PDB file of all heavy atoms in Angstrom:
ATOM      1  N   VAL A   1      -1.137   6.569  13.891  1.00  0.00           N
ATOM      2  CA  VAL A   1      -1.869   6.382  12.645  1.00  0.00           C
ATOM      3  C   VAL A   1      -0.901   6.421  11.460  1.00  0.00           C
ATOM      4  O   VAL A   1      -0.902   5.574  10.589  1.00  0.00           O
ATOM      5  CB  VAL A   1      -2.969   7.416  12.530  1.00  0.00           C
ATOM      6  CG1 VAL A   1      -3.579   7.414  11.120  1.00  0.00           C
ATOM      7  CG2 VAL A   1      -4.088   7.184  13.559  1.00  0.00           C
ATOM      8  N   ILE A   2      -0.050   7.431  11.440  1.00  0.00           N
ATOM      9  CA  ILE A   2       0.902   7.664  10.359  1.00  0.00           C
ATOM     10  C   ILE A   2       1.889   6.466  10.294  1.00  0.00           C
ATOM     11  O   ILE A   2       2.154   5.935   9.239  1.00  0.00           O
ATOM     12  CB  ILE A   2       1.666   8.974  10.523  1.00  0.00           C
ATOM     13  CG1 ILE A   2       0.693  10.152  10.380  1.00  0.00           C
ATOM     14  CG2 ILE A   2       2.786   9.100   9.521  1.00  0.00           C
ATOM     15  CD1 ILE A   2       1.289  11.497  10.703  1.00  0.00           C
ATOM     16  N   GLU A   3       2.384   6.082  11.444  1.00  0.00           N
ATOM     17  CA  GLU A   3       3.366   4.989  11.522  1.00  0.00           C
ATOM     18  C   GLU A   3       2.762   3.685  10.998  1.00  0.00           C
ATOM     19  O   GLU A   3       3.409   2.945  10.187  1.00  0.00           O
ATOM     20  CB  GLU A   3       3.822   4.784  12.964  1.00  0.00           C
ATOM     21  CG  GLU A   3       4.885   3.675  13.131  1.00  0.00           C
ATOM     22  CD  GLU A   3       5.265   3.515  14.592  1.00  0.00           C
ATOM     23  OE1 GLU A   3       4.877   4.281  15.424  1.00  0.00           O
ATOM     24  OE2 GLU A   3       6.036   2.542  14.828  1.00  0.00           O
ATOM     25  N   ASN A   4       1.489   3.367  11.363  1.00  0.00           N
ATOM     26  CA  ASN A   4       0.872   2.143  10.924  1.00  0.00           C
ATOM     27  C   ASN A   4       0.563   2.159   9.435  1.00  0.00           C
ATOM     28  O   ASN A   4       0.555   1.112   8.790  1.00  0.00           O
ATOM     29  CB  ASN A   4      -0.321   1.812  11.758  1.00  0.00           C
ATOM     30  CG  ASN A   4       0.008   1.328  13.140  1.00  0.00           C
ATOM     31  OD1 ASN A   4       1.177   1.092  13.482  1.00  0.00           O
ATOM     32  ND2 ASN A   4      -0.985   1.173  14.000  1.00  0.00           N
ATOM     33  N   MET A   5       0.273   3.331   8.924  1.00  0.00           N
ATOM     34  CA  MET A   5       0.013   3.474   7.454  1.00  0.00           C
ATOM     35  C   MET A   5       1.318   3.216   6.690  1.00  0.00           C
ATOM     36  O   MET A   5       1.312   2.519   5.683  1.00  0.00           O
ATOM     37  CB  MET A   5      -0.558   4.835   7.153  1.00  0.00           C
ATOM     38  CG  MET A   5      -1.993   5.053   7.606  1.00  0.00           C
ATOM     39  SD  MET A   5      -2.669   6.651   7.148  1.00  0.00           S
ATOM     40  CE  MET A   5      -2.925   6.399   5.417  1.00  0.00           C
ATOM     41  N   ILE A   6       2.423   3.800   7.188  1.00  0.00           N
ATOM     42  CA  ILE A   6       3.729   3.590   6.566  1.00  0.00           C
ATOM     43  C   ILE A   6       4.107   2.118   6.612  1.00  0.00           C
ATOM     44  O   ILE A   6       4.567   1.506   5.619  1.00  0.00           O
ATOM     45  CB  ILE A   6       4.799   4.447   7.215  1.00  0.00           C
ATOM     46  CG1 ILE A   6       4.537   5.927   6.909  1.00  0.00           C
ATOM     47  CG2 ILE A   6       6.197   4.071   6.722  1.00  0.00           C
ATOM     48  CD1 ILE A   6       5.354   6.887   7.736  1.00  0.00           C
ATOM     49  N   ASN A   7       3.902   1.450   7.786  1.00  0.00           N
ATOM     50  CA  ASN A   7       4.231   0.047   7.938  1.00  0.00           C
ATOM     51  C   ASN A   7       3.443  -0.811   6.963  1.00  0.00           C
ATOM     52  O   ASN A   7       3.935  -1.744   6.365  1.00  0.00           O
ATOM     53  CB  ASN A   7       4.000  -0.402   9.340  1.00  0.00           C
ATOM     54  CG  ASN A   7       4.999   0.172  10.338  1.00  0.00           C
ATOM     55  OD1 ASN A   7       6.090   0.589   9.920  1.00  0.00           O
ATOM     56  ND2 ASN A   7       4.664   0.216  11.591  1.00  0.00           N
ATOM     57  N   ALA A   8       2.124  -0.485   6.820  1.00  0.00           N
ATOM     58  CA  ALA A   8       1.262  -1.242   5.910  1.00  0.00           C
ATOM     59  C   ALA A   8       1.697  -1.113   4.468  1.00  0.00           C
ATOM     60  O   ALA A   8       1.683  -2.110   3.755  1.00  0.00           O
ATOM     61  CB  ALA A   8      -0.198  -0.771   6.092  1.00  0.00           C
ATOM     62  N   ILE A   9       2.015   0.130   4.063  1.00  0.00           N
ATOM     63  CA  ILE A   9       2.442   0.279   2.663  1.00  0.00           C
ATOM     64  C   ILE A   9       3.746  -0.411   2.384  1.00  0.00           C
ATOM     65  O   ILE A   9       3.973  -0.924   1.248  1.00  0.00           O
ATOM     66  CB  ILE A   9       2.454   1.814   2.318  1.00  0.00           C
ATOM     67  CG1 ILE A   9       2.246   2.002   0.808  1.00  0.00           C
ATOM     68  CG2 ILE A   9       3.770   2.476   2.725  1.00  0.00           C
ATOM     69  CD1 ILE A   9       2.014   3.475   0.435  1.00  0.00           C
ATOM     70  N   LYS A  10       4.630  -0.470   3.372  1.00  0.00           N
ATOM     71  CA  LYS A  10       5.883  -1.242   3.182  1.00  0.00           C
ATOM     72  C   LYS A  10       5.637  -2.723   3.124  1.00  0.00           C
ATOM     73  O   LYS A  10       6.349  -3.437   2.424  1.00  0.00           O
ATOM     74  CB  LYS A  10       6.832  -0.872   4.314  1.00  0.00           C
ATOM     75  CG  LYS A  10       7.480   0.494   4.228  1.00  0.00           C
ATOM     76  CD  LYS A  10       8.441   0.770   5.388  1.00  0.00           C
ATOM     77  CE  LYS A  10       9.132   2.097   5.270  1.00  0.00           C
ATOM     78  NZ  LYS A  10      10.029   2.355   6.401  1.00  0.00           N
ATOM     79  N   LYS A  11       4.598  -3.149   3.863  1.00  0.00           N
ATOM     80  CA  LYS A  11       4.333  -4.561   3.956  1.00  0.00           C
ATOM     81  C   LYS A  11       3.593  -5.110   2.711  1.00  0.00           C
ATOM     82  O   LYS A  11       3.933  -6.207   2.213  1.00  0.00           O
ATOM     83  CB  LYS A  11       3.456  -4.825   5.217  1.00  0.00           C
ATOM     84  CG  LYS A  11       3.140  -6.284   5.495  1.00  0.00           C
ATOM     85  CD  LYS A  11       2.394  -6.429   6.776  1.00  0.00           C
ATOM     86  CE  LYS A  11       2.024  -7.894   7.038  1.00  0.00           C
ATOM     87  NZ  LYS A  11       1.237  -8.027   8.300  1.00  0.00           N
ATOM     88  N   VAL A  12       2.544  -4.347   2.257  1.00  0.00           N
ATOM     89  CA  VAL A  12       1.727  -4.914   1.164  1.00  0.00           C
ATOM     90  C   VAL A  12       1.735  -4.064  -0.124  1.00  0.00           C
ATOM     91  O   VAL A  12       1.110  -4.431  -1.083  1.00  0.00           O
ATOM     92  CB  VAL A  12       0.250  -5.119   1.651  1.00  0.00           C
ATOM     93  CG1 VAL A  12       0.218  -6.019   2.861  1.00  0.00           C
ATOM     94  CG2 VAL A  12      -0.413  -3.760   1.936  1.00  0.00           C
ATOM     95  N   GLY A  13       2.423  -2.918  -0.123  1.00  0.00           N
ATOM     96  CA  GLY A  13       2.434  -2.075  -1.283  1.00  0.00           C
ATOM     97  C   GLY A  13       1.390  -0.990  -1.245  1.00  0.00           C
ATOM     98  O   GLY A  13       0.672  -0.792  -0.272  1.00  0.00           O
ATOM     99  N   ALA A  14       1.306  -0.230  -2.373  1.00  0.00           N
ATOM    100  CA  ALA A  14       0.434   0.987  -2.398  1.00  0.00           C
ATOM    101  C   ALA A  14      -1.014   0.696  -2.597  1.00  0.00           C
ATOM    102  O   ALA A  14      -1.849   1.078  -1.760  1.00  0.00           O
ATOM    103  CB  ALA A  14       0.997   1.917  -3.489  1.00  0.00           C
ATOM    104  N   GLY A  15      -1.357   0.078  -3.695  1.00  0.00           N
ATOM    105  CA  GLY A  15      -2.810  -0.092  -4.019  1.00  0.00           C
ATOM    106  C   GLY A  15      -3.287  -1.479  -3.677  1.00  0.00           C
ATOM    107  O   GLY A  15      -2.498  -2.405  -3.434  1.00  0.00           O
ATOM    108  N   SER A  16      -4.643  -1.655  -3.713  1.00  0.00           N
ATOM    109  CA  SER A  16      -5.221  -2.964  -3.433  1.00  0.00           C
ATOM    110  C   SER A  16      -5.133  -3.891  -4.614  1.00  0.00           C
ATOM    111  O   SER A  16      -5.141  -5.115  -4.468  1.00  0.00           O
ATOM    112  CB  SER A  16      -6.660  -2.808  -3.000  1.00  0.00           C
ATOM    113  OG  SER A  16      -7.458  -2.386  -4.107  1.00  0.00           O
ATOM    114  N   GLY A  17      -5.153  -3.335  -5.845  1.00  0.00           N
ATOM    115  CA  GLY A  17      -4.977  -4.149  -7.005  1.00  0.00           C
ATOM    116  C   GLY A  17      -6.227  -4.695  -7.637  1.00  0.00           C
ATOM    117  O   GLY A  17      -6.217  -5.419  -8.638  1.00  0.00           O
ATOM    118  N   GLY A  18      -7.402  -4.361  -7.061  1.00  0.00           N
ATOM    119  CA  GLY A  18      -8.625  -4.863  -7.669  1.00  0.00           C
ATOM    120  C   GLY A  18      -9.878  -4.504  -6.902  1.00  0.00           C
ATOM    121  O   GLY A  18      -9.807  -3.836  -5.816  1.00  0.00           O
ATOM    122  N   THR A  19     -11.025  -4.919  -7.411  1.00  0.00           N
ATOM    123  CA  THR A  19     -12.229  -4.785  -6.678  1.00  0.00           C
ATOM    124  C   THR A  19     -12.238  -5.745  -5.499  1.00  0.00           C
ATOM    125  O   THR A  19     -11.410  -6.653  -5.442  1.00  0.00           O
ATOM    126  CB  THR A  19     -13.450  -5.104  -7.606  1.00  0.00           C
ATOM    127  OG1 THR A  19     -13.409  -6.475  -7.925  1.00  0.00           O
ATOM    128  CG2 THR A  19     -13.434  -4.233  -8.847  1.00  0.00           C
ATOM    129  N   ARG A  20     -13.230  -5.587  -4.608  1.00  0.00           N
ATOM    130  CA  ARG A  20     -13.262  -6.502  -3.450  1.00  0.00           C
ATOM    131  C   ARG A  20     -13.424  -7.947  -3.919  1.00  0.00           C
ATOM    132  O   ARG A  20     -12.985  -8.896  -3.264  1.00  0.00           O
ATOM    133  CB  ARG A  20     -14.370  -6.086  -2.504  1.00  0.00           C
ATOM    134  CG  ARG A  20     -14.125  -4.793  -1.725  1.00  0.00           C
ATOM    135  CD  ARG A  20     -13.011  -4.911  -0.739  1.00  0.00           C
ATOM    136  NE  ARG A  20     -13.327  -5.915   0.312  1.00  0.00           N
ATOM    137  CZ  ARG A  20     -13.978  -5.589   1.444  1.00  0.00           C
ATOM    138  NH1 ARG A  20     -14.374  -4.343   1.686  1.00  0.00           N
ATOM    139  NH2 ARG A  20     -14.234  -6.532   2.356  1.00  0.00           N
ATOM    140  N   ASN A  21     -14.126  -8.151  -5.019  1.00  0.00           N
ATOM    141  CA  ASN A  21     -14.397  -9.468  -5.532  1.00  0.00           C
ATOM    142  C   ASN A  21     -13.221 -10.080  -6.275  1.00  0.00           C
ATOM    143  O   ASN A  21     -13.082 -11.301  -6.323  1.00  0.00           O
ATOM    144  CB  ASN A  21     -15.624  -9.451  -6.460  1.00  0.00           C
ATOM    145  CG  ASN A  21     -16.064 -10.838  -6.888  1.00  0.00           C
ATOM    146  OD1 ASN A  21     -16.243 -11.736  -6.046  1.00  0.00           O
ATOM    147  ND2 ASN A  21     -16.243 -11.020  -8.179  1.00  0.00           N
ATOM    148  N   ILE A  22     -12.386  -9.235  -6.855  1.00  0.00           N
ATOM    149  CA  ILE A  22     -11.314  -9.730  -7.695  1.00  0.00           C
ATOM    150  C   ILE A  22      -9.989  -9.263  -7.095  1.00  0.00           C
ATOM    151  O   ILE A  22      -9.418  -8.240  -7.462  1.00  0.00           O
ATOM    152  CB  ILE A  22     -11.436  -9.242  -9.141  1.00  0.00           C
ATOM    153  CG1 ILE A  22     -12.807  -9.647  -9.713  1.00  0.00           C
ATOM    154  CG2 ILE A  22     -10.329  -9.828 -10.028  1.00  0.00           C
ATOM    155  CD1 ILE A  22     -13.098  -9.160 -11.102  1.00  0.00           C
ATOM    156  N   SER A  23      -9.499  -9.991  -6.139  1.00  0.00           N
ATOM    157  CA  SER A  23      -8.179  -9.851  -5.512  1.00  0.00           C
ATOM    158  C   SER A  23      -7.996  -8.615  -4.606  1.00  0.00           C
ATOM    159  O   SER A  23      -6.940  -8.371  -4.093  1.00  0.00           O
ATOM    160  CB  SER A  23      -7.044  -9.889  -6.562  1.00  0.00           C
ATOM    161  OG  SER A  23      -6.859  -8.620  -7.182  1.00  0.00           O
ATOM    162  N   GLY A  24      -9.066  -7.783  -4.492  1.00  0.00           N
ATOM    163  CA  GLY A  24      -8.913  -6.543  -3.802  1.00  0.00           C
ATOM    164  C   GLY A  24      -9.348  -6.507  -2.333  1.00  0.00           C
ATOM    165  O   GLY A  24      -9.445  -5.454  -1.722  1.00  0.00           O
ATOM    166  N   THR A  25      -9.669  -7.708  -1.751  1.00  0.00           N
ATOM    167  CA  THR A  25      -9.985  -7.742  -0.330  1.00  0.00           C
ATOM    168  C   THR A  25      -8.727  -8.090   0.427  1.00  0.00           C
ATOM    169  O   THR A  25      -8.342  -9.262   0.508  1.00  0.00           O
ATOM    170  CB  THR A  25     -11.092  -8.789  -0.047  1.00  0.00           C
ATOM    171  OG1 THR A  25     -12.348  -8.350  -0.646  1.00  0.00           O
ATOM    172  CG2 THR A  25     -11.354  -8.894   1.482  1.00  0.00           C
ATOM    173  N   ASN A  26      -8.078  -7.088   0.948  1.00  0.00           N
ATOM    174  CA  ASN A  26      -6.855  -7.231   1.730  1.00  0.00           C
ATOM    175  C   ASN A  26      -7.283  -7.524   3.182  1.00  0.00           C
ATOM    176  O   ASN A  26      -8.320  -7.079   3.623  1.00  0.00           O
ATOM    177  CB  ASN A  26      -6.006  -6.003   1.624  1.00  0.00           C
ATOM    178  CG  ASN A  26      -4.614  -6.180   2.214  1.00  0.00           C
ATOM    179  OD1 ASN A  26      -4.424  -6.120   3.399  1.00  0.00           O
ATOM    180  ND2 ASN A  26      -3.655  -6.480   1.334  1.00  0.00           N
ATOM    181  N   HIS A  27      -6.403  -8.198   3.923  1.00  0.00           N
ATOM    182  CA  HIS A  27      -6.712  -8.496   5.317  1.00  0.00           C
ATOM    183  C   HIS A  27      -6.969  -7.232   6.144  1.00  0.00           C
ATOM    184  O   HIS A  27      -7.725  -7.262   7.125  1.00  0.00           O
ATOM    185  CB  HIS A  27      -5.586  -9.327   5.938  1.00  0.00           C
ATOM    186  CG  HIS A  27      -5.951  -9.883   7.294  1.00  0.00           C
ATOM    187  ND1 HIS A  27      -7.058 -10.656   7.541  1.00  0.00           N
ATOM    188  CD2 HIS A  27      -5.325  -9.729   8.518  1.00  0.00           C
ATOM    189  CE1 HIS A  27      -7.101 -10.961   8.813  1.00  0.00           C
ATOM    190  NE2 HIS A  27      -6.083 -10.407   9.443  1.00  0.00           N
ATOM    191  N   TYR A  28      -6.331  -6.117   5.780  1.00  0.00           N
ATOM    192  CA  TYR A  28      -6.585  -4.855   6.475  1.00  0.00           C
ATOM    193  C   TYR A  28      -8.017  -4.402   6.318  1.00  0.00           C
ATOM    194  O   TYR A  28      -8.578  -3.843   7.244  1.00  0.00           O
ATOM    195  CB  TYR A  28      -5.605  -3.765   5.927  1.00  0.00           C
ATOM    196  CG  TYR A  28      -4.201  -3.929   6.404  1.00  0.00           C
ATOM    197  CD1 TYR A  28      -3.206  -4.261   5.475  1.00  0.00           C
ATOM    198  CD2 TYR A  28      -3.823  -3.653   7.724  1.00  0.00           C
ATOM    199  CE1 TYR A  28      -1.880  -4.376   5.876  1.00  0.00           C
ATOM    200  CE2 TYR A  28      -2.514  -3.772   8.098  1.00  0.00           C
ATOM    201  CZ  TYR A  28      -1.539  -4.130   7.228  1.00  0.00           C
ATOM    202  OH  TYR A  28      -0.236  -4.261   7.613  1.00  0.00           O
ATOM    203  N   HIS A  29      -8.615  -4.686   5.155  1.00  0.00           N
ATOM    204  CA  HIS A  29     -10.074  -4.345   4.956  1.00  0.00           C
ATOM    205  C   HIS A  29     -10.893  -5.214   5.911  1.00  0.00           C
ATOM    206  O   HIS A  29     -11.881  -4.691   6.518  1.00  0.00           O
ATOM    207  CB  HIS A  29     -10.508  -4.645   3.499  1.00  0.00           C
ATOM    208  CG  HIS A  29      -9.762  -3.776   2.505  1.00  0.00           C
ATOM    209  ND1 HIS A  29      -9.145  -4.346   1.418  1.00  0.00           N
ATOM    210  CD2 HIS A  29      -9.586  -2.485   2.409  1.00  0.00           C
ATOM    211  CE1 HIS A  29      -8.615  -3.407   0.672  1.00  0.00           C
ATOM    212  NE2 HIS A  29      -8.843  -2.243   1.282  1.00  0.00           N
ATOM    213  N   VAL A  30     -10.584  -6.471   6.041  1.00  0.00           N
ATOM    214  CA  VAL A  30     -11.361  -7.375   6.889  1.00  0.00           C
ATOM    215  C   VAL A  30     -11.262  -6.914   8.361  1.00  0.00           C
ATOM    216  O   VAL A  30     -12.260  -6.895   9.066  1.00  0.00           O
ATOM    217  CB  VAL A  30     -10.837  -8.814   6.739  1.00  0.00           C
ATOM    218  CG1 VAL A  30     -11.579  -9.741   7.676  1.00  0.00           C
ATOM    219  CG2 VAL A  30     -11.043  -9.276   5.286  1.00  0.00           C
ATOM    220  N   LEU A  31     -10.056  -6.572   8.764  1.00  0.00           N
ATOM    221  CA  LEU A  31      -9.857  -6.113  10.142  1.00  0.00           C
ATOM    222  C   LEU A  31     -10.649  -4.826  10.403  1.00  0.00           C
ATOM    223  O   LEU A  31     -11.231  -4.680  11.482  1.00  0.00           O
ATOM    224  CB  LEU A  31      -8.395  -5.874  10.442  1.00  0.00           C
ATOM    225  CG  LEU A  31      -7.490  -7.119  10.489  1.00  0.00           C
ATOM    226  CD1 LEU A  31      -5.998  -6.691  10.629  1.00  0.00           C
ATOM    227  CD2 LEU A  31      -7.900  -8.033  11.630  1.00  0.00           C
ATOM    228  N   LEU A  32     -10.635  -3.924   9.468  1.00  0.00           N
ATOM    229  CA  LEU A  32     -11.331  -2.643   9.638  1.00  0.00           C
ATOM    230  C   LEU A  32     -12.841  -2.858   9.708  1.00  0.00           C
ATOM    231  O   LEU A  32     -13.523  -2.248  10.562  1.00  0.00           O
ATOM    232  CB  LEU A  32     -10.970  -1.672   8.485  1.00  0.00           C
ATOM    233  CG  LEU A  32     -11.715  -0.336   8.493  1.00  0.00           C
ATOM    234  CD1 LEU A  32     -11.548   0.410   9.819  1.00  0.00           C
ATOM    235  CD2 LEU A  32     -11.155   0.535   7.339  1.00  0.00           C
ATOM    236  N   GLU A  33     -13.379  -3.686   8.820  1.00  0.00           N
ATOM    237  CA  GLU A  33     -14.840  -3.915   8.859  1.00  0.00           C
ATOM    238  C   GLU A  33     -15.220  -4.622  10.150  1.00  0.00           C
ATOM    239  O   GLU A  33     -16.251  -4.269  10.729  1.00  0.00           O
ATOM    240  CB  GLU A  33     -15.228  -4.797   7.639  1.00  0.00           C
ATOM    241  CG  GLU A  33     -15.259  -3.996   6.365  1.00  0.00           C
ATOM    242  CD  GLU A  33     -15.542  -4.828   5.139  1.00  0.00           C
ATOM    243  OE1 GLU A  33     -15.301  -6.051   5.133  1.00  0.00           O
ATOM    244  OE2 GLU A  33     -15.955  -4.240   4.106  1.00  0.00           O
TER     245      GLU A  33
END
């Protein structure tokens, strides 16, 4: 879990950058849902 969180933050950065409607739906959110 820790390793994959670190990998994700290195890959896409820290924050999502917006609401789900405005640029904030990252592919990780889609996979999780």
